[in-house]
Amino acid sequence: MTNGTKKCPDCAEEMVEGFILDMAYGGTLVPRWIKGRPEKSFWEGVKAKGKECRSVETYRCVKCGLLRSYAVTEAGLPGIWGY
């Protein structure tokens, strides 16, 4: 969602882009949105292969701290480096 300046829907102040850090065993990841309900996987924890996957973009209001996330851009599953 790189279409100009974002304004907070609660207080109308500027929102700045950032990301939410996912802590995983042995590393850190950038989160992804996966379509559907989570299904258990013996080897991977949650099944994600073959499902719609989108990167998560998060913005934070500079005044009130509200976080708002969007999943617009299609993406692959995160690799070993979390991207």
N, C-alpha and C. Protein backbone atom coordinates (compact mmCIF):
# COMPACT_ATOMS: atom_id res chain seq x y z
N MET A 1 0.83 -1.17 0.00
CA MET A 1 0.00 0.00 0.00
C MET A 1 0.88 1.24 0.00
N THR A 2 1.57 1.46 -1.04
CA THR A 2 2.50 2.58 -1.12
C THR A 2 1.87 3.76 -1.85
N ASN A 3 0.61 4.07 -1.60
CA ASN A 3 -0.07 5.15 -2.30
C ASN A 3 -0.16 6.41 -1.45
N GLY A 4 0.96 7.04 -1.15
CA GLY A 4 0.97 8.31 -0.44
C GLY A 4 0.93 8.20 1.06
N THR A 5 0.72 9.36 1.70
CA THR A 5 0.70 9.46 3.15
C THR A 5 -0.57 8.84 3.71
N LYS A 6 -0.41 8.06 4.76
CA LYS A 6 -1.55 7.44 5.43
C LYS A 6 -1.92 8.29 6.64
N LYS A 7 -3.21 8.42 6.88
CA LYS A 7 -3.71 9.15 8.04
C LYS A 7 -4.44 8.17 8.97
N CYS A 8 -4.26 8.35 10.26
CA CYS A 8 -4.90 7.51 11.27
C CYS A 8 -6.41 7.69 11.24
N PRO A 9 -7.18 6.60 11.19
CA PRO A 9 -8.64 6.74 11.19
C PRO A 9 -9.19 7.18 12.56
N ASP A 10 -8.40 7.08 13.62
CA ASP A 10 -8.86 7.48 14.95
C ASP A 10 -8.59 8.95 15.26
N CYS A 11 -7.36 9.44 14.94
CA CYS A 11 -7.01 10.81 15.34
C CYS A 11 -6.52 11.68 14.18
N ALA A 12 -6.48 11.14 12.96
CA ALA A 12 -6.12 11.87 11.73
C ALA A 12 -4.65 12.30 11.66
N GLU A 13 -3.80 11.75 12.51
CA GLU A 13 -2.37 12.05 12.43
C GLU A 13 -1.70 11.13 11.41
N GLU A 14 -0.44 11.41 11.10
CA GLU A 14 0.32 10.62 10.13
C GLU A 14 0.56 9.21 10.64
N MET A 15 0.55 8.25 9.71
CA MET A 15 0.91 6.87 10.03
C MET A 15 2.19 6.55 9.27
N VAL A 16 3.14 5.90 9.95
CA VAL A 16 4.42 5.56 9.34
C VAL A 16 4.51 4.06 9.13
N GLU A 17 5.18 3.67 8.03
CA GLU A 17 5.31 2.25 7.71
C GLU A 17 6.37 1.59 8.58
N GLY A 18 6.11 0.34 8.92
CA GLY A 18 7.06 -0.47 9.67
C GLY A 18 6.70 -1.93 9.46
N PHE A 19 7.10 -2.80 10.36
CA PHE A 19 6.71 -4.20 10.26
C PHE A 19 6.69 -4.82 11.64
N ILE A 20 5.93 -5.89 11.76
CA ILE A 20 5.85 -6.65 13.00
C ILE A 20 6.81 -7.82 12.88
N LEU A 21 7.68 -7.96 13.83
CA LEU A 21 8.70 -9.00 13.80
C LEU A 21 8.15 -10.28 14.40
N ASP A 22 8.21 -11.36 13.65
CA ASP A 22 7.80 -12.68 14.13
C ASP A 22 9.02 -13.40 14.68
N MET A 23 8.97 -13.78 15.93
CA MET A 23 10.07 -14.53 16.53
C MET A 23 9.81 -16.02 16.31
N ALA A 24 10.78 -16.70 15.72
CA ALA A 24 10.65 -18.12 15.43
C ALA A 24 11.86 -18.85 16.02
N TYR A 25 11.71 -20.14 16.18
CA TYR A 25 12.83 -20.93 16.70
C TYR A 25 14.03 -20.77 15.77
N GLY A 26 15.11 -20.23 16.28
CA GLY A 26 16.33 -20.10 15.50
C GLY A 26 16.38 -18.88 14.61
N GLY A 27 15.44 -17.93 14.73
CA GLY A 27 15.51 -16.75 13.89
C GLY A 27 14.30 -15.85 14.00
N THR A 28 14.25 -14.88 13.12
CA THR A 28 13.14 -13.94 13.06
C THR A 28 12.57 -13.95 11.65
N LEU A 29 11.27 -13.66 11.54
CA LEU A 29 10.59 -13.69 10.25
C LEU A 29 9.76 -12.44 10.05
N VAL A 30 9.49 -12.11 8.79
CA VAL A 30 8.53 -11.08 8.44
C VAL A 30 7.21 -11.81 8.20
N PRO A 31 6.11 -11.36 8.83
CA PRO A 31 4.86 -12.12 8.74
C PRO A 31 4.25 -12.16 7.34
N ARG A 32 3.45 -13.18 7.10
CA ARG A 32 2.69 -13.35 5.86
C ARG A 32 1.24 -13.65 6.25
N TRP A 33 0.32 -13.25 5.38
CA TRP A 33 -1.08 -13.60 5.52
C TRP A 33 -1.33 -14.79 4.62
N ILE A 34 -1.97 -15.85 5.16
CA ILE A 34 -2.27 -17.06 4.42
C ILE A 34 -3.79 -17.24 4.39
N LYS A 35 -4.35 -17.49 3.21
CA LYS A 35 -5.79 -17.65 3.07
C LYS A 35 -6.27 -18.94 3.75
N GLY A 36 -7.40 -18.84 4.42
CA GLY A 36 -8.01 -20.02 5.04
C GLY A 36 -7.68 -20.15 6.52
N ARG A 37 -8.22 -21.18 7.10
CA ARG A 37 -7.99 -21.46 8.51
C ARG A 37 -6.69 -22.24 8.67
N PRO A 38 -5.98 -22.07 9.78
CA PRO A 38 -4.75 -22.83 9.99
C PRO A 38 -5.01 -24.33 10.12
N GLU A 39 -4.18 -25.12 9.47
CA GLU A 39 -4.24 -26.58 9.56
C GLU A 39 -2.90 -27.07 10.10
N LYS A 40 -2.95 -27.99 11.06
CA LYS A 40 -1.71 -28.51 11.64
C LYS A 40 -0.90 -29.30 10.61
N SER A 41 0.42 -29.16 10.72
CA SER A 41 1.36 -29.92 9.91
C SER A 41 2.40 -30.52 10.85
N PHE A 42 2.64 -31.81 10.74
CA PHE A 42 3.59 -32.48 11.62
C PHE A 42 4.99 -31.88 11.50
N TRP A 43 5.46 -31.61 10.28
CA TRP A 43 6.83 -31.16 10.05
C TRP A 43 6.99 -29.64 10.13
N GLU A 44 5.97 -28.88 9.74
CA GLU A 44 6.14 -27.43 9.65
C GLU A 44 5.33 -26.64 10.66
N GLY A 45 4.53 -27.28 11.48
CA GLY A 45 3.69 -26.59 12.45
C GLY A 45 2.33 -26.24 11.89
N VAL A 46 2.31 -25.50 10.75
CA VAL A 46 1.07 -25.12 10.09
C VAL A 46 1.24 -25.31 8.59
N LYS A 47 0.23 -25.90 7.94
CA LYS A 47 0.28 -26.09 6.49
C LYS A 47 0.08 -24.76 5.79
N ALA A 48 0.97 -24.44 4.83
CA ALA A 48 0.84 -23.20 4.07
C ALA A 48 1.11 -23.41 2.58
N LYS A 49 1.78 -24.49 2.24
CA LYS A 49 2.16 -24.74 0.85
C LYS A 49 0.91 -24.83 -0.04
N GLY A 50 0.95 -24.11 -1.17
CA GLY A 50 -0.14 -24.13 -2.13
C GLY A 50 -1.30 -23.19 -1.81
N LYS A 51 -1.21 -22.45 -0.71
CA LYS A 51 -2.27 -21.52 -0.34
C LYS A 51 -1.89 -20.10 -0.76
N GLU A 52 -2.91 -19.25 -0.95
CA GLU A 52 -2.66 -17.84 -1.27
C GLU A 52 -1.87 -17.21 -0.14
N CYS A 53 -0.82 -16.48 -0.51
CA CYS A 53 0.09 -15.91 0.48
C CYS A 53 0.36 -14.45 0.11
N ARG A 54 0.28 -13.56 1.08
CA ARG A 54 0.52 -12.14 0.85
C ARG A 54 1.41 -11.57 1.95
N SER A 55 2.25 -10.61 1.56
CA SER A 55 3.08 -9.93 2.55
C SER A 55 2.21 -9.01 3.39
N VAL A 56 2.60 -8.79 4.63
CA VAL A 56 1.85 -7.94 5.54
C VAL A 56 2.59 -6.62 5.70
N GLU A 57 1.90 -5.53 5.38
CA GLU A 57 2.44 -4.18 5.56
C GLU A 57 1.72 -3.56 6.75
N THR A 58 2.48 -3.01 7.70
CA THR A 58 1.88 -2.46 8.91
C THR A 58 2.29 -1.00 9.08
N TYR A 59 1.33 -0.19 9.50
CA TYR A 59 1.54 1.24 9.73
C TYR A 59 1.18 1.56 11.16
N ARG A 60 1.91 2.53 11.77
CA ARG A 60 1.68 2.94 13.16
C ARG A 60 1.44 4.44 13.20
N CYS A 61 0.41 4.84 13.94
CA CYS A 61 0.11 6.26 14.11
C CYS A 61 1.16 6.89 15.01
N VAL A 62 1.71 8.06 14.60
CA VAL A 62 2.75 8.73 15.38
C VAL A 62 2.20 9.34 16.67
N LYS A 63 0.87 9.56 16.74
CA LYS A 63 0.28 10.18 17.92
C LYS A 63 -0.30 9.15 18.89
N CYS A 64 -1.23 8.32 18.42
CA CYS A 64 -1.94 7.41 19.34
C CYS A 64 -1.42 5.98 19.33
N GLY A 65 -0.54 5.63 18.37
CA GLY A 65 0.06 4.30 18.35
C GLY A 65 -0.77 3.22 17.69
N LEU A 66 -1.93 3.57 17.13
CA LEU A 66 -2.76 2.59 16.45
C LEU A 66 -1.95 1.87 15.37
N LEU A 67 -2.07 0.54 15.32
CA LEU A 67 -1.44 -0.24 14.26
C LEU A 67 -2.53 -0.67 13.28
N ARG A 68 -2.21 -0.58 11.98
CA ARG A 68 -3.14 -1.04 10.95
C ARG A 68 -2.31 -1.81 9.93
N SER A 69 -2.75 -3.05 9.66
CA SER A 69 -2.02 -3.93 8.74
C SER A 69 -2.83 -4.19 7.49
N TYR A 70 -2.12 -4.34 6.37
CA TYR A 70 -2.72 -4.62 5.07
C TYR A 70 -1.99 -5.80 4.45
N ALA A 71 -2.71 -6.62 3.70
CA ALA A 71 -2.13 -7.77 2.99
C ALA A 71 -2.53 -7.64 1.52
N VAL A 72 -1.87 -6.75 0.79
CA VAL A 72 -2.24 -6.43 -0.58
C VAL A 72 -1.36 -7.17 -1.59
N THR A 73 -0.06 -7.19 -1.37
CA THR A 73 0.89 -7.71 -2.33
C THR A 73 1.07 -9.22 -2.21
N GLU A 74 0.86 -9.94 -3.32
CA GLU A 74 1.10 -11.39 -3.29
C GLU A 74 2.57 -11.66 -3.04
N ALA A 75 2.84 -12.73 -2.32
CA ALA A 75 4.23 -13.07 -1.97
C ALA A 75 4.32 -14.58 -1.81
N GLY A 76 5.54 -15.07 -1.87
CA GLY A 76 5.78 -16.49 -1.61
C GLY A 76 5.92 -16.68 -0.10
N LEU A 77 6.00 -17.93 0.29
CA LEU A 77 6.23 -18.22 1.70
C LEU A 77 7.63 -17.74 2.09
N PRO A 78 7.83 -17.29 3.33
CA PRO A 78 9.14 -16.81 3.71
C PRO A 78 10.19 -17.90 3.62
N GLY A 79 11.36 -17.53 3.16
CA GLY A 79 12.48 -18.46 3.08
C GLY A 79 13.27 -18.47 4.38
N ILE A 80 14.46 -18.96 4.31
CA ILE A 80 15.30 -19.10 5.50
C ILE A 80 15.60 -17.75 6.17
N TRP A 81 15.62 -16.64 5.40
CA TRP A 81 15.92 -15.32 5.95
C TRP A 81 14.66 -14.57 6.36
N GLY A 82 13.48 -15.17 6.22
CA GLY A 82 12.26 -14.54 6.68
C GLY A 82 11.57 -13.66 5.67
N TYR A 83 12.07 -13.61 4.42
CA TYR A 83 11.45 -12.74 3.40
C TYR A 83 10.74 -13.55 2.36
